[in-house]
Amino acid sequence: MVAFKEEFPYLRCDSGQLFEFNRDWLHAAINRAADQAGYPSWWLTDHVTESIAFYLRLRNDESVVAFSQLSQTVRYVLKAIGYKEIIPYFTPAPPPISISLVDIAQEAGTGYELAFFDLLEKRIHALIETGVDNLQLCSLQACVKYLRRTKVWTRACDALREEIVCFIRERLTSTTTIERLKCSLR
């Protein structure tokens, strides 16, 4: 992957997965750590987040930054500004992985629903194998409309939507290798 000038480098976690930097994700991780350290609604969260974002933007000569290096940088900033008591609580998980269901439906092509469910199962299985712990499945409504080849939502769309949701739940709950997986579907 290539990080473009004026953009952030990608973050690489220990498993080798690449993630896009997300200010909201970092802000939430810093805020959570500050709250646990006894600083609810910490007034410096925005400033620390923007400082780290600025630092990452300056590193545009590198297309990938290790996730551990980002964590170390946040800890360094917290120590430098005199809030080292927050450091032990700063243990962010990698950002969520987003998967577009409509992209999977388009990839299924003329195989329609059968090919879609097969591809979806393979994608979920592959992600579980990598140890993902935060998954966002998006574009459900657009996916259903695409698979039904309709522009207007119908009762058949409701049924397919429910079938997709049940399928995803079943695949995620039947896996015994996941200790904790946060999944959102929108």
C-alpha atoms as a PDB file:
ATOM      1  CA  MET A   1       0.000   0.000   0.000  1.00  0.00           C
ATOM      2  CA  VAL A   2       1.089   3.544  -0.630  1.00  0.00           C
ATOM      3  CA  ALA A   3       0.330   6.505   1.601  1.00  0.00           C
ATOM      4  CA  PHE A   4      -0.203   9.598  -0.487  1.00  0.00           C
ATOM      5  CA  LYS A   5       1.352  12.959   0.322  1.00  0.00           C
ATOM      6  CA  GLU A   6      -0.804  14.974   2.719  1.00  0.00           C
ATOM      7  CA  GLU A   7      -2.272  11.721   4.022  1.00  0.00           C
ATOM      8  CA  PHE A   8      -1.469   9.580   7.007  1.00  0.00           C
ATOM      9  CA  PRO A   9       0.669   6.474   6.801  1.00  0.00           C
ATOM     10  CA  TYR A  10      -1.049   3.165   7.409  1.00  0.00           C
ATOM     11  CA  LEU A  11      -0.697   1.481  10.788  1.00  0.00           C
ATOM     12  CA  ARG A  12       0.556  -2.100  10.930  1.00  0.00           C
ATOM     13  CA  CYS A  13      -0.362  -4.262  13.930  1.00  0.00           C
ATOM     14  CA  ASP A  14       1.655  -7.271  15.117  1.00  0.00           C
ATOM     15  CA  SER A  15      -0.347  -9.670  12.935  1.00  0.00           C
ATOM     16  CA  GLY A  16       0.671  -7.691   9.853  1.00  0.00           C
ATOM     17  CA  GLN A  17      -2.768  -6.200   9.186  1.00  0.00           C
ATOM     18  CA  LEU A  18      -2.800  -2.645   7.903  1.00  0.00           C
ATOM     19  CA  PHE A  19      -5.207  -0.022   9.214  1.00  0.00           C
ATOM     20  CA  GLU A  20      -5.971   3.513   8.206  1.00  0.00           C
ATOM     21  CA  PHE A  21      -5.349   6.087  10.912  1.00  0.00           C
ATOM     22  CA  ASN A  22      -8.570   7.418  12.393  1.00  0.00           C
ATOM     23  CA  ARG A  23      -8.609  10.477  14.660  1.00  0.00           C
ATOM     24  CA  ASP A  24     -11.875   9.418  16.327  1.00  0.00           C
ATOM     25  CA  TRP A  25     -10.428   6.027  17.210  1.00  0.00           C
ATOM     26  CA  LEU A  26      -7.296   7.588  18.752  1.00  0.00           C
ATOM     27  CA  HIS A  27      -9.359  10.234  20.548  1.00  0.00           C
ATOM     28  CA  ALA A  28     -11.561   7.529  22.088  1.00  0.00           C
ATOM     29  CA  ALA A  29      -8.517   5.483  23.200  1.00  0.00           C
ATOM     30  CA  ILE A  30      -6.869   8.510  24.856  1.00  0.00           C
ATOM     31  CA  ASN A  31     -10.134   9.590  26.425  1.00  0.00           C
ATOM     32  CA  ARG A  32     -10.758   6.090  27.802  1.00  0.00           C
ATOM     33  CA  ALA A  33      -7.258   5.961  29.307  1.00  0.00           C
ATOM     34  CA  ALA A  34      -7.598   9.406  30.866  1.00  0.00           C
ATOM     35  CA  ASP A  35     -10.986   8.498  32.299  1.00  0.00           C
ATOM     36  CA  GLN A  36      -9.569   5.312  33.872  1.00  0.00           C
ATOM     37  CA  ALA A  37      -6.687   7.346  35.319  1.00  0.00           C
ATOM     38  CA  GLY A  38      -9.129   9.671  37.047  1.00  0.00           C
ATOM     39  CA  TYR A  39      -9.454  12.436  34.465  1.00  0.00           C
ATOM     40  CA  PRO A  40     -13.030  12.221  33.169  1.00  0.00           C
ATOM     41  CA  SER A  41     -13.634  14.383  30.091  1.00  0.00           C
ATOM     42  CA  TRP A  42      -9.940  15.258  30.041  1.00  0.00           C
ATOM     43  CA  TRP A  43      -9.456  18.691  28.550  1.00  0.00           C
ATOM     44  CA  LEU A  44      -6.214  17.777  26.731  1.00  0.00           C
ATOM     45  CA  THR A  45      -7.562  14.817  24.759  1.00  0.00           C
ATOM     46  CA  ASP A  46      -8.206  16.920  21.655  1.00  0.00           C
ATOM     47  CA  HIS A  47      -4.746  18.494  21.796  1.00  0.00           C
ATOM     48  CA  VAL A  48      -2.923  15.190  22.250  1.00  0.00           C
ATOM     49  CA  THR A  49      -4.938  13.615  19.427  1.00  0.00           C
ATOM     50  CA  GLU A  50      -4.136  16.487  17.067  1.00  0.00           C
ATOM     51  CA  SER A  51      -0.451  16.396  18.063  1.00  0.00           C
ATOM     52  CA  ILE A  52      -0.239  12.712  17.175  1.00  0.00           C
ATOM     53  CA  ALA A  53      -2.124  13.303  13.906  1.00  0.00           C
ATOM     54  CA  PHE A  54       0.305  16.105  13.033  1.00  0.00           C
ATOM     55  CA  TYR A  55       3.248  13.837  13.836  1.00  0.00           C
ATOM     56  CA  LEU A  56       1.855  11.091  11.588  1.00  0.00           C
ATOM     57  CA  ARG A  57       1.214  13.532   8.768  1.00  0.00           C
ATOM     58  CA  LEU A  58       4.857  14.617   8.969  1.00  0.00           C
ATOM     59  CA  ARG A  59       5.878  10.983   8.481  1.00  0.00           C
ATOM     60  CA  ASN A  60       4.449  10.889   4.978  1.00  0.00           C
ATOM     61  CA  ASP A  61       7.810   9.650   3.710  1.00  0.00           C
ATOM     62  CA  GLU A  62       6.882   6.314   5.286  1.00  0.00           C
ATOM     63  CA  SER A  63       3.824   4.503   3.982  1.00  0.00           C
ATOM     64  CA  VAL A  64       3.487   2.266   7.063  1.00  0.00           C
ATOM     65  CA  VAL A  65       4.068   2.915  10.773  1.00  0.00           C
ATOM     66  CA  ALA A  66       4.057   0.098  13.318  1.00  0.00           C
ATOM     67  CA  PHE A  67       1.066   0.196  15.640  1.00  0.00           C
ATOM     68  CA  SER A  68       3.438  -0.294  18.587  1.00  0.00           C
ATOM     69  CA  GLN A  69       5.385   2.779  17.476  1.00  0.00           C
ATOM     70  CA  LEU A  70       2.196   4.863  17.476  1.00  0.00           C
ATOM     71  CA  SER A  71       1.382   3.628  20.999  1.00  0.00           C
ATOM     72  CA  GLN A  72       4.910   4.443  22.124  1.00  0.00           C
ATOM     73  CA  THR A  73       4.591   7.946  20.668  1.00  0.00           C
ATOM     74  CA  VAL A  74       1.333   8.576  22.531  1.00  0.00           C
ATOM     75  CA  ARG A  75       2.967   7.401  25.758  1.00  0.00           C
ATOM     76  CA  TYR A  76       5.925   9.703  25.137  1.00  0.00           C
ATOM     77  CA  VAL A  77       3.615  12.685  24.588  1.00  0.00           C
ATOM     78  CA  LEU A  78       1.671  11.908  27.768  1.00  0.00           C
ATOM     79  CA  LYS A  79       4.903  11.731  29.749  1.00  0.00           C
ATOM     80  CA  ALA A  80       6.292  14.911  28.149  1.00  0.00           C
ATOM     81  CA  ILE A  81       3.238  16.974  29.092  1.00  0.00           C
ATOM     82  CA  GLY A  82       3.261  15.708  32.666  1.00  0.00           C
ATOM     83  CA  TYR A  83       0.464  13.141  32.632  1.00  0.00           C
ATOM     84  CA  LYS A  84       2.437   9.929  33.015  1.00  0.00           C
ATOM     85  CA  GLU A  85      -0.265   8.486  35.287  1.00  0.00           C
ATOM     86  CA  ILE A  86      -2.435   7.985  32.173  1.00  0.00           C
ATOM     87  CA  ILE A  87       0.218   5.858  30.432  1.00  0.00           C
ATOM     88  CA  PRO A  88      -0.592   2.501  32.112  1.00  0.00           C
ATOM     89  CA  TYR A  89      -4.210   2.830  30.979  1.00  0.00           C
ATOM     90  CA  PHE A  90      -3.391   3.566  27.353  1.00  0.00           C
ATOM     91  CA  THR A  91      -3.814   0.171  25.705  1.00  0.00           C
ATOM     92  CA  PRO A  92      -5.640   0.785  22.439  1.00  0.00           C
ATOM     93  CA  ALA A  93      -6.812  -2.063  20.275  1.00  0.00           C
ATOM     94  CA  PRO A  94      -6.192  -1.791  16.543  1.00  0.00           C
ATOM     95  CA  PRO A  95      -8.795   0.258  14.681  1.00  0.00           C
ATOM     96  CA  PRO A  96     -11.828  -1.587  13.358  1.00  0.00           C
ATOM     97  CA  ILE A  97     -11.713  -3.259   9.974  1.00  0.00           C
ATOM     98  CA  SER A  98     -14.489  -2.104   7.645  1.00  0.00           C
ATOM     99  CA  ILE A  99     -15.950  -4.380   5.012  1.00  0.00           C
ATOM    100  CA  SER A 100     -18.442  -3.174   2.440  1.00  0.00           C
ATOM    101  CA  LEU A 101     -21.197  -5.732   1.933  1.00  0.00           C
ATOM    102  CA  VAL A 102     -22.177  -4.106  -1.355  1.00  0.00           C
ATOM    103  CA  ASP A 103     -18.616  -4.658  -2.615  1.00  0.00           C
ATOM    104  CA  ILE A 104     -18.947  -8.360  -1.797  1.00  0.00           C
ATOM    105  CA  ALA A 105     -22.317  -8.444  -3.573  1.00  0.00           C
ATOM    106  CA  GLN A 106     -20.791  -6.821  -6.656  1.00  0.00           C
ATOM    107  CA  GLU A 107     -17.890  -9.271  -6.539  1.00  0.00           C
ATOM    108  CA  ALA A 108     -20.421 -12.131  -6.485  1.00  0.00           C
ATOM    109  CA  GLY A 109     -21.576 -10.963  -9.908  1.00  0.00           C
ATOM    110  CA  THR A 110     -24.159 -13.135 -11.590  1.00  0.00           C
ATOM    111  CA  GLY A 111     -23.950 -15.666  -8.778  1.00  0.00           C
ATOM    112  CA  TYR A 112     -26.301 -13.396  -6.846  1.00  0.00           C
ATOM    113  CA  GLU A 113     -27.160 -14.525  -3.326  1.00  0.00           C
ATOM    114  CA  LEU A 114     -25.474 -17.941  -3.332  1.00  0.00           C
ATOM    115  CA  ALA A 115     -22.150 -16.508  -4.453  1.00  0.00           C
ATOM    116  CA  PHE A 116     -22.602 -13.554  -2.078  1.00  0.00           C
ATOM    117  CA  PHE A 117     -23.050 -15.780   0.979  1.00  0.00           C
ATOM    118  CA  ASP A 118     -20.102 -17.937  -0.063  1.00  0.00           C
ATOM    119  CA  LEU A 119     -17.831 -14.896  -0.469  1.00  0.00           C
ATOM    120  CA  LEU A 120     -19.088 -13.369   2.783  1.00  0.00           C
ATOM    121  CA  GLU A 121     -18.362 -16.572   4.677  1.00  0.00           C
ATOM    122  CA  LYS A 122     -14.850 -16.748   3.226  1.00  0.00           C
ATOM    123  CA  ARG A 123     -14.179 -13.093   4.088  1.00  0.00           C
ATOM    124  CA  ILE A 124     -15.416 -13.514   7.668  1.00  0.00           C
ATOM    125  CA  HIS A 125     -13.374 -16.693   8.090  1.00  0.00           C
ATOM    126  CA  ALA A 126     -10.220 -15.022   6.753  1.00  0.00           C
ATOM    127  CA  LEU A 127     -10.631 -12.085   9.125  1.00  0.00           C
ATOM    128  CA  ILE A 128     -11.197 -14.350  12.111  1.00  0.00           C
ATOM    129  CA  GLU A 129      -8.014 -16.222  11.212  1.00  0.00           C
ATOM    130  CA  THR A 130      -6.046 -12.961  11.381  1.00  0.00           C
ATOM    131  CA  GLY A 131      -7.317 -12.297  14.914  1.00  0.00           C
ATOM    132  CA  VAL A 132      -9.435  -9.245  14.200  1.00  0.00           C
ATOM    133  CA  ASP A 133     -11.265  -8.035  17.299  1.00  0.00           C
ATOM    134  CA  ASN A 134     -13.266  -5.116  15.894  1.00  0.00           C
ATOM    135  CA  LEU A 135     -15.212  -5.518  12.663  1.00  0.00           C
ATOM    136  CA  GLN A 136     -17.543  -3.102  10.875  1.00  0.00           C
ATOM    137  CA  LEU A 137     -19.773  -4.490   8.142  1.00  0.00           C
ATOM    138  CA  CYS A 138     -21.275  -1.600   6.230  1.00  0.00           C
ATOM    139  CA  SER A 139     -23.647  -0.822   3.358  1.00  0.00           C
ATOM    140  CA  LEU A 140     -26.168  -3.508   4.295  1.00  0.00           C
ATOM    141  CA  GLN A 141     -29.136  -1.699   2.745  1.00  0.00           C
ATOM    142  CA  ALA A 142     -27.277  -0.991  -0.504  1.00  0.00           C
ATOM    143  CA  CYS A 143     -26.141  -4.626  -0.585  1.00  0.00           C
ATOM    144  CA  VAL A 144     -29.695  -5.928  -0.227  1.00  0.00           C
ATOM    145  CA  LYS A 145     -30.980  -3.610  -2.944  1.00  0.00           C
ATOM    146  CA  TYR A 146     -28.154  -4.679  -5.225  1.00  0.00           C
ATOM    147  CA  LEU A 147     -28.796  -8.376  -4.659  1.00  0.00           C
ATOM    148  CA  ARG A 148     -32.545  -7.918  -5.198  1.00  0.00           C
ATOM    149  CA  ARG A 149     -31.895  -5.732  -8.240  1.00  0.00           C
ATOM    150  CA  THR A 150     -34.292  -3.077  -6.998  1.00  0.00           C
ATOM    151  CA  LYS A 151     -34.190   0.633  -6.286  1.00  0.00           C
ATOM    152  CA  VAL A 152     -37.158   0.580  -3.914  1.00  0.00           C
ATOM    153  CA  TRP A 153     -37.151  -1.313  -0.629  1.00  0.00           C
ATOM    154  CA  THR A 154     -39.635  -4.215  -0.619  1.00  0.00           C
ATOM    155  CA  ARG A 155     -40.743  -6.989   1.716  1.00  0.00           C
ATOM    156  CA  ALA A 156     -38.368  -9.302  -0.106  1.00  0.00           C
ATOM    157  CA  CYS A 157     -35.613  -6.868   0.855  1.00  0.00           C
ATOM    158  CA  ASP A 158     -36.653  -7.159   4.513  1.00  0.00           C
ATOM    159  CA  ALA A 159     -36.415 -10.944   4.303  1.00  0.00           C
ATOM    160  CA  LEU A 160     -32.980 -10.887   2.655  1.00  0.00           C
ATOM    161  CA  ARG A 161     -31.716  -8.310   5.136  1.00  0.00           C
ATOM    162  CA  GLU A 162     -32.777 -10.554   8.016  1.00  0.00           C
ATOM    163  CA  GLU A 163     -31.167 -13.553   6.325  1.00  0.00           C
ATOM    164  CA  ILE A 164     -27.850 -11.700   5.984  1.00  0.00           C
ATOM    165  CA  VAL A 165     -27.921 -10.545   9.619  1.00  0.00           C
ATOM    166  CA  CYS A 166     -28.671 -14.072  10.849  1.00  0.00           C
ATOM    167  CA  PHE A 167     -25.956 -15.517   8.617  1.00  0.00           C
ATOM    168  CA  ILE A 168     -23.354 -13.107  10.025  1.00  0.00           C
ATOM    169  CA  ARG A 169     -24.413 -13.760  13.629  1.00  0.00           C
ATOM    170  CA  GLU A 170     -24.262 -17.508  13.076  1.00  0.00           C
ATOM    171  CA  ARG A 171     -20.796 -17.379  11.527  1.00  0.00           C
ATOM    172  CA  LEU A 172     -19.420 -15.150  14.273  1.00  0.00           C
ATOM    173  CA  THR A 173     -20.932 -17.072  17.180  1.00  0.00           C
ATOM    174  CA  SER A 174     -19.981 -20.492  15.827  1.00  0.00           C
ATOM    175  CA  THR A 175     -16.302 -19.574  15.893  1.00  0.00           C
ATOM    176  CA  THR A 176     -14.496 -20.755  18.990  1.00  0.00           C
ATOM    177  CA  THR A 177     -11.196 -19.013  18.218  1.00  0.00           C
ATOM    178  CA  ILE A 178     -12.510 -15.547  19.089  1.00  0.00           C
ATOM    179  CA  GLU A 179     -12.182 -14.439  22.685  1.00  0.00           C
ATOM    180  CA  ARG A 180     -13.817 -11.079  22.185  1.00  0.00           C
ATOM    181  CA  LEU A 181     -15.075  -9.663  18.909  1.00  0.00           C
ATOM    182  CA  LYS A 182     -16.910  -6.404  18.541  1.00  0.00           C
ATOM    183  CA  CYS A 183     -18.959  -6.344  15.360  1.00  0.00           C
ATOM    184  CA  SER A 184     -21.238  -3.656  14.012  1.00  0.00           C
ATOM    185  CA  LEU A 185     -23.512  -3.934  11.024  1.00  0.00           C
ATOM    186  CA  ARG A 186     -24.888  -0.876   9.297  1.00  0.00           C
END
